[in-house]
Amino acid sequence: MLLVLLPFSGSAWYLWTRAADQYHSEVAFSIRSEEMSSSAAGLIGALTQVNSGSASDADILFDFIRSQKIVEEIDADLDLRRIYRDAQGDFVFTLGDNPSIEALHAHWLRMVDVSYDASTSIIHIRSNAFTSEDARAVAQAILEKSSTLVNMLSEQAREDAVRFAEEELAEAETNVRKVRQDLADFRRKYNIVDPTADVAGQIGLLSALQQELAEALVDRDVLLSYAAETDQRVVQANRRITAITERLEEERSSLDLTGLPGSLPYVVGRYEELIVNLEFANTAFTQALAGLAAARAEARRQSRYLAPHIRPTLAGEALYPRRLVLLGLIGFFLAIGWMILTLVYYNIRDNR
């Protein structure tokens, strides 16, 4: 009687006579992401696009809806203390007078049920209040605050992408300027614009001298076939051959093919290295410029957004508190407690 029937009867009396009716409003949404098409943006666009983070965003949003922060923000807009105190005579399911923010947050967790399906990244919310309008207003406020948070996360991601692209462009521009300065210093040091062109000219000159030497040798051999070596024409041919040979040797020695610093092979190799570095730097600068343009284009779009598929509903009747369920649980636990106490009593009595 004392441990089961009396508490059970008191609970039933309170649930049906004092407990205030609670109306509910439901809302469900997910986070959608838009990604830039790789075919349209190319490799740089694929590198600079904001990655889809739906799962992690949903986790963040789930914690945010259950946090004290959202309670403070919605309380400033709707006065949650008034909404959760708007029931006379019910001291169990209502908020007390002058509650602290911690008490308000604890009551929020009782009145707002948040479920999250990790496999689909869908968040479902049920908001309870003592009027259907207040329940829907709280659900609508949760939807708006959640959308604001997602937009803030998306904006932060876009700003990070643009800032990263700008840093890459600044680094690429600095590298281009450095390589160009190195090339200018090289040309001033060796007083040459394009050593490969000079080498090509000298090689052409050597080829021409070798061809002219071959022609002079042939002409002398023809003269010797019918004239003596003391012939003035043969002497002139020998002088011409000697001059061509000396010039050929001088041109060959001027090439300086030792490979030491300052020699022609070293100068040409250093020049080609600088040209390759400049091509790489120009390519990197062009790609960084395209990446910045792609990041700015992506920043002008909303890459992530909240997509509610169930908007806040308006209840037609009060479904909470679930009196029969609560009464059944109360009766079950009272009976279990009474049986445990009875077993303990008989056990102690038998041991005596």
Protein backbone atom coordinates (compact mmCIF):
# COMPACT_ATOMS: atom_id res chain seq x y z
CA MET A 1 0.00 0.00 0.00
CA LEU A 2 2.69 2.49 1.01
CA LEU A 3 5.37 1.53 -1.48
CA VAL A 4 3.33 0.76 -4.58
CA LEU A 5 -0.37 1.61 -4.55
CA LEU A 6 -0.17 4.99 -2.87
CA PRO A 7 2.69 6.39 -5.05
CA PHE A 8 1.07 4.86 -8.12
CA SER A 9 -2.27 6.47 -7.35
CA GLY A 10 -0.61 9.81 -6.60
CA SER A 11 1.29 9.71 -9.89
CA ALA A 12 -1.90 8.90 -11.80
CA TRP A 13 -3.74 11.75 -10.08
CA TYR A 14 -0.96 14.21 -10.92
CA LEU A 15 -0.60 13.12 -14.55
CA TRP A 16 -4.32 13.45 -15.29
CA THR A 17 -5.17 16.47 -13.16
CA ARG A 18 -2.05 18.64 -12.78
CA ALA A 19 0.37 17.81 -15.62
CA ALA A 20 -0.03 20.38 -18.39
CA ASP A 21 -0.63 19.29 -21.97
CA GLN A 22 2.39 19.62 -24.23
CA TYR A 23 2.24 20.23 -27.95
CA HIS A 24 5.04 19.27 -30.28
CA SER A 25 6.52 20.57 -33.52
CA GLU A 26 8.83 18.53 -35.73
CA VAL A 27 11.51 19.61 -38.16
CA ALA A 28 14.06 17.54 -40.08
CA PHE A 29 16.89 18.63 -42.32
CA SER A 30 20.24 17.64 -43.76
CA ILE A 31 23.32 19.47 -45.00
CA ARG A 32 23.92 19.59 -48.72
CA SER A 33 27.17 20.49 -50.45
CA GLU A 34 27.85 21.86 -53.91
CA GLU A 35 31.16 21.13 -55.57
CA MET A 36 32.72 22.80 -58.59
CA SER A 37 32.75 20.63 -61.69
CA SER A 38 36.23 19.31 -62.36
CA SER A 39 35.73 19.45 -66.12
CA ALA A 40 34.86 23.13 -65.94
CA ALA A 41 37.47 24.17 -63.40
CA GLY A 42 40.31 21.88 -64.40
CA LEU A 43 42.96 20.60 -62.04
CA ILE A 44 43.31 23.90 -60.21
CA GLY A 45 39.58 24.10 -59.61
CA ALA A 46 39.62 20.58 -58.21
CA LEU A 47 42.42 21.55 -55.86
CA THR A 48 40.83 24.79 -54.66
CA GLN A 49 37.21 23.70 -54.32
CA VAL A 50 35.67 23.40 -50.88
CA ASN A 51 35.46 19.75 -49.94
CA SER A 52 32.19 18.22 -48.92
CA GLY A 53 32.06 17.92 -45.17
CA SER A 54 28.45 16.89 -44.62
CA ALA A 55 29.14 14.25 -41.98
CA SER A 56 31.39 16.44 -39.84
CA ASP A 57 29.09 19.44 -40.31
CA ALA A 58 26.12 17.38 -39.13
CA ASP A 59 28.08 16.32 -36.04
CA ILE A 60 28.89 19.94 -35.28
CA LEU A 61 25.28 20.95 -35.80
CA PHE A 62 24.01 18.14 -33.57
CA ASP A 63 26.22 19.32 -30.71
CA PHE A 64 25.27 22.95 -31.34
CA ILE A 65 21.52 22.27 -31.05
CA ARG A 66 22.11 20.58 -27.69
CA SER A 67 24.49 23.28 -26.44
CA GLN A 68 23.96 26.17 -24.05
CA LYS A 69 24.92 28.61 -26.82
CA ILE A 70 21.78 28.03 -28.88
CA VAL A 71 19.68 28.21 -25.70
CA GLU A 72 21.08 31.66 -24.96
CA GLU A 73 20.48 32.88 -28.51
CA ILE A 74 16.89 31.58 -28.75
CA ASP A 75 16.09 32.76 -25.24
CA ALA A 76 17.13 36.28 -26.28
CA ASP A 77 14.72 36.09 -29.23
CA LEU A 78 11.72 34.17 -27.83
CA ASP A 79 12.06 34.32 -24.02
CA LEU A 80 12.32 30.58 -23.35
CA ARG A 81 11.78 31.12 -19.61
CA ARG A 82 8.27 32.37 -20.33
CA ILE A 83 7.54 29.56 -22.81
CA TYR A 84 8.62 26.78 -20.43
CA ARG A 85 6.84 28.37 -17.45
CA ASP A 86 3.54 28.85 -19.27
CA ALA A 87 1.58 26.21 -17.32
CA GLN A 88 -0.20 26.76 -14.00
CA GLY A 89 -0.01 24.18 -11.22
CA ASP A 90 2.49 21.86 -12.95
CA PHE A 91 5.75 21.93 -11.04
CA VAL A 92 7.18 18.72 -12.56
CA PHE A 93 7.12 19.49 -16.29
CA THR A 94 7.52 23.27 -16.09
CA LEU A 95 10.52 25.50 -15.45
CA GLY A 96 10.89 27.01 -12.00
CA ASP A 97 10.88 30.71 -11.18
CA ASN A 98 14.03 32.73 -11.94
CA PRO A 99 16.01 29.79 -13.29
CA SER A 100 19.71 30.05 -14.08
CA ILE A 101 21.02 29.49 -17.60
CA GLU A 102 22.20 26.04 -16.51
CA ALA A 103 18.69 25.14 -15.31
CA LEU A 104 17.23 26.51 -18.53
CA HIS A 105 19.69 24.44 -20.56
CA ALA A 106 18.80 21.29 -18.59
CA HIS A 107 15.09 21.93 -19.19
CA TRP A 108 15.84 22.55 -22.90
CA LEU A 109 17.32 19.06 -23.15
CA ARG A 110 14.06 17.69 -21.71
CA MET A 111 11.78 19.66 -24.03
CA VAL A 112 13.83 19.44 -27.24
CA ASP A 113 14.60 15.98 -28.53
CA VAL A 114 17.39 15.80 -31.15
CA SER A 115 18.16 12.63 -33.09
CA TYR A 116 20.89 12.21 -35.67
CA ASP A 117 21.19 9.44 -38.26
CA ALA A 118 24.89 9.17 -39.08
CA SER A 119 24.29 6.97 -42.14
CA THR A 120 22.13 9.60 -43.88
CA SER A 121 23.34 12.74 -42.02
CA ILE A 122 19.72 13.66 -41.29
CA ILE A 123 18.92 15.55 -38.09
CA HIS A 124 15.38 15.22 -36.71
CA ILE A 125 14.14 17.58 -33.98
CA ARG A 126 11.01 17.47 -31.86
CA SER A 127 10.25 20.60 -29.86
CA ASN A 128 7.70 20.47 -27.03
CA ALA A 129 5.90 23.45 -25.48
CA PHE A 130 2.65 24.16 -23.71
CA THR A 131 1.11 25.77 -26.82
CA SER A 132 1.38 24.61 -30.40
CA GLU A 133 2.47 28.10 -31.52
CA ASP A 134 5.33 28.18 -29.02
CA ALA A 135 6.45 24.69 -30.05
CA ARG A 136 6.55 25.70 -33.71
CA ALA A 137 8.28 29.00 -32.88
CA VAL A 138 11.05 27.15 -31.04
CA ALA A 139 11.44 24.65 -33.91
CA GLN A 140 11.59 27.51 -36.42
CA ALA A 141 14.22 29.29 -34.32
CA ILE A 142 16.30 26.10 -34.19
CA LEU A 143 16.08 25.82 -37.98
CA GLU A 144 17.16 29.45 -38.45
CA LYS A 145 20.05 29.24 -35.99
CA SER A 146 21.21 25.98 -37.57
CA SER A 147 21.11 27.54 -41.04
CA THR A 148 23.11 30.51 -39.76
CA LEU A 149 25.75 28.19 -38.32
CA VAL A 150 26.05 26.21 -41.56
CA ASN A 151 26.37 29.42 -43.56
CA MET A 152 29.07 30.61 -41.16
CA LEU A 153 30.99 27.35 -41.54
CA SER A 154 30.64 27.56 -45.32
CA GLU A 155 31.78 31.19 -45.35
CA GLN A 156 34.78 30.34 -43.23
CA ALA A 157 35.71 27.50 -45.58
CA ARG A 158 35.40 29.80 -48.60
CA GLU A 159 37.52 32.47 -46.94
CA ASP A 160 40.17 29.87 -46.11
CA ALA A 161 40.19 28.67 -49.73
CA VAL A 162 40.56 32.22 -51.09
CA ARG A 163 43.26 33.08 -48.56
CA PHE A 164 45.18 29.92 -49.43
CA ALA A 165 44.93 30.71 -53.16
CA GLU A 166 46.14 34.28 -52.55
CA GLU A 167 49.10 32.99 -50.55
CA GLU A 168 49.95 30.54 -53.33
CA LEU A 169 49.75 33.34 -55.91
CA ALA A 170 51.99 35.64 -53.84
CA GLU A 171 54.55 32.85 -53.44
CA ALA A 172 54.46 32.06 -57.16
CA GLU A 173 54.85 35.75 -58.06
CA THR A 174 57.83 36.10 -55.73
CA ASN A 175 59.43 33.04 -57.29
CA VAL A 176 58.93 34.41 -60.82
CA ARG A 177 60.50 37.72 -59.87
CA LYS A 178 63.49 35.96 -58.28
CA VAL A 179 64.12 33.73 -61.30
CA ARG A 180 63.85 36.68 -63.67
CA GLN A 181 66.29 38.65 -61.53
CA ASP A 182 68.72 35.72 -61.57
CA LEU A 183 68.48 35.59 -65.36
CA ALA A 184 69.10 39.36 -65.62
CA ASP A 185 72.14 39.09 -63.31
CA PHE A 186 73.48 36.22 -65.41
CA ARG A 187 73.23 38.27 -68.62
CA ARG A 188 74.95 41.27 -67.02
CA LYS A 189 77.71 39.10 -65.56
CA TYR A 190 78.64 37.38 -68.83
CA ASN A 191 77.61 40.29 -71.08
CA ILE A 192 75.51 37.99 -73.21
CA VAL A 193 71.81 37.80 -73.95
CA ASP A 194 71.44 34.28 -75.34
CA PRO A 195 74.55 32.08 -75.24
CA THR A 196 72.81 29.36 -77.22
CA ALA A 197 72.44 31.76 -80.15
CA ASP A 198 76.13 32.68 -79.91
CA VAL A 199 77.11 29.02 -79.84
CA ALA A 200 74.92 28.35 -82.85
CA GLY A 201 76.63 31.23 -84.70
CA GLN A 202 80.10 29.97 -83.83
CA ILE A 203 79.23 26.44 -84.86
CA GLY A 204 77.94 27.81 -88.16
CA LEU A 205 81.18 29.74 -88.63
CA LEU A 206 83.26 26.62 -87.96
CA SER A 207 81.22 24.68 -90.47
CA ALA A 208 81.72 27.40 -93.08
CA LEU A 209 85.49 27.52 -92.45
CA GLN A 210 85.76 23.75 -92.68
CA GLN A 211 83.87 23.78 -95.96
CA GLU A 212 86.08 26.59 -97.30
CA LEU A 213 89.21 24.71 -96.17
CA ALA A 214 88.04 21.61 -98.02
CA GLU A 215 87.46 23.64 -101.19
CA ALA A 216 90.92 25.27 -100.89
CA LEU A 217 92.58 21.86 -100.52
CA VAL A 218 90.77 20.57 -103.58
CA ASP A 219 91.78 23.64 -105.59
CA ARG A 220 95.44 23.21 -104.61
CA ASP A 221 95.37 19.53 -105.56
CA VAL A 222 93.99 20.49 -108.96
CA LEU A 223 96.80 23.06 -109.44
CA LEU A 224 99.46 20.53 -108.43
CA SER A 225 98.18 18.16 -111.10
CA TYR A 226 99.61 20.39 -113.85
CA ALA A 227 101.82 23.00 -112.05
CA ALA A 228 104.92 22.87 -109.89
CA GLU A 229 104.95 23.68 -106.21
CA THR A 230 106.94 26.81 -106.90
CA ASP A 231 104.19 28.07 -109.11
CA GLN A 232 102.79 31.37 -107.83
CA ARG A 233 99.28 30.02 -107.96
CA VAL A 234 100.23 27.07 -105.77
CA VAL A 235 101.97 29.39 -103.32
CA GLN A 236 98.84 31.53 -103.05
CA ALA A 237 96.71 28.40 -102.51
CA ASN A 238 99.02 27.28 -99.69
CA ARG A 239 98.81 30.69 -98.05
CA ARG A 240 95.03 30.59 -98.25
CA ILE A 241 94.93 27.11 -96.74
CA THR A 242 97.23 28.22 -93.90
CA ALA A 243 95.05 31.27 -93.15
CA ILE A 244 91.88 29.22 -93.10
CA THR A 245 93.47 26.61 -90.84
CA GLU A 246 94.71 29.21 -88.36
CA ARG A 247 91.31 30.88 -88.27
CA LEU A 248 89.66 27.53 -87.72
CA GLU A 249 91.95 26.75 -84.78
CA GLU A 250 91.30 30.18 -83.25
CA GLU A 251 87.54 29.72 -83.49
CA ARG A 252 87.77 26.28 -81.94
CA SER A 253 89.90 27.55 -79.07
CA SER A 254 87.46 30.41 -78.48
CA LEU A 255 84.70 27.91 -77.68
CA ASP A 256 86.52 26.94 -74.45
CA LEU A 257 85.00 23.46 -74.06
CA THR A 258 86.62 22.76 -70.66
CA GLY A 259 83.34 22.87 -68.68
CA LEU A 260 84.89 25.02 -65.93
CA PRO A 261 83.07 28.07 -64.49
CA GLY A 262 83.20 30.80 -67.12
CA SER A 263 83.69 28.38 -69.98
CA LEU A 264 81.15 28.18 -72.76
CA PRO A 265 79.63 24.82 -71.72
CA TYR A 266 79.22 26.13 -68.17
CA VAL A 267 77.64 29.37 -69.35
CA VAL A 268 75.27 27.54 -71.69
CA GLY A 269 74.33 25.00 -69.01
CA ARG A 270 73.69 27.70 -66.45
CA TYR A 271 71.61 29.65 -68.96
CA GLU A 272 69.50 26.61 -69.84
CA GLU A 273 68.97 25.92 -66.11
CA LEU A 274 67.71 29.46 -65.59
CA ILE A 275 65.41 29.19 -68.62
CA VAL A 276 63.89 25.93 -67.29
CA ASN A 277 63.42 27.52 -63.84
CA LEU A 278 61.71 30.48 -65.48
CA GLU A 279 59.36 28.22 -67.43
CA PHE A 280 58.42 26.32 -64.27
CA ALA A 281 57.94 29.58 -62.36
CA ASN A 282 55.73 31.03 -65.11
CA THR A 283 53.65 27.83 -65.22
CA ALA A 284 53.24 27.84 -61.44
CA PHE A 285 52.25 31.52 -61.52
CA THR A 286 49.67 30.88 -64.24
CA GLN A 287 48.20 27.97 -62.30
CA ALA A 288 48.13 29.97 -59.05
CA LEU A 289 46.37 32.83 -60.86
CA ALA A 290 43.79 30.39 -62.27
CA GLY A 291 43.39 28.85 -58.80
CA LEU A 292 42.69 32.23 -57.25
CA ALA A 293 40.08 32.99 -59.91
CA ALA A 294 38.46 29.59 -59.30
CA ALA A 295 38.49 30.09 -55.51
CA ARG A 296 36.88 33.51 -55.85
CA ALA A 297 34.26 32.11 -58.21
CA GLU A 298 33.53 29.34 -55.71
CA ALA A 299 33.32 31.91 -52.91
CA ARG A 300 30.49 33.65 -54.73
CA ARG A 301 28.40 30.51 -54.46
CA GLN A 302 26.90 28.92 -51.35
CA SER A 303 28.84 25.67 -51.28
CA ARG A 304 27.04 24.26 -48.24
CA TYR A 305 23.49 24.91 -47.15
CA LEU A 306 20.78 23.55 -44.89
CA ALA A 307 18.08 21.58 -46.73
CA PRO A 308 14.96 21.05 -44.57
CA HIS A 309 12.71 18.32 -45.93
CA ILE A 310 10.30 18.65 -43.00
CA ARG A 311 9.59 22.24 -42.00
CA PRO A 312 8.29 23.10 -38.50
CA THR A 313 4.86 21.57 -38.06
CA LEU A 314 1.88 22.92 -36.10
CA ALA A 315 0.28 20.38 -33.74
CA GLY A 316 -3.47 19.95 -33.73
CA GLU A 317 -3.66 18.19 -30.35
CA ALA A 318 -1.42 17.59 -27.34
CA LEU A 319 0.34 14.22 -27.42
CA TYR A 320 2.64 14.82 -24.45
CA PRO A 321 3.29 13.96 -21.75
CA ARG A 322 2.54 10.33 -22.61
CA ARG A 323 0.56 9.63 -19.45
CA LEU A 324 -0.09 5.94 -19.92
CA VAL A 325 3.56 5.25 -20.75
CA LEU A 326 4.81 7.27 -17.80
CA LEU A 327 2.29 5.69 -15.44
CA GLY A 328 3.22 2.21 -16.66
CA LEU A 329 6.93 2.90 -16.07
CA ILE A 330 6.22 4.31 -12.62
CA GLY A 331 4.15 1.27 -11.68
CA PHE A 332 6.80 -1.11 -13.05
CA PHE A 333 9.67 0.42 -11.10
CA LEU A 334 7.57 0.73 -7.93
CA ALA A 335 6.72 -2.95 -8.17
CA ILE A 336 10.33 -3.88 -8.82
CA GLY A 337 11.46 -1.82 -5.82
CA TRP A 338 8.81 -3.38 -3.58
CA MET A 339 9.81 -6.91 -4.61
CA ILE A 340 13.50 -6.18 -3.98
CA LEU A 341 12.73 -4.80 -0.53
CA THR A 342 10.53 -7.81 0.21
CA LEU A 343 13.28 -10.25 -0.78
CA VAL A 344 15.79 -8.37 1.34
CA TYR A 345 13.38 -8.43 4.32
CA TYR A 346 12.71 -12.17 4.11
CA ASN A 347 16.38 -12.90 3.60
CA ILE A 348 17.31 -10.99 6.76
CA ARG A 349 14.49 -12.61 8.72
CA ASP A 350 15.45 -16.13 7.65
CA ASN A 351 19.11 -15.51 8.56
CA ARG A 352 18.07 -14.61 12.08
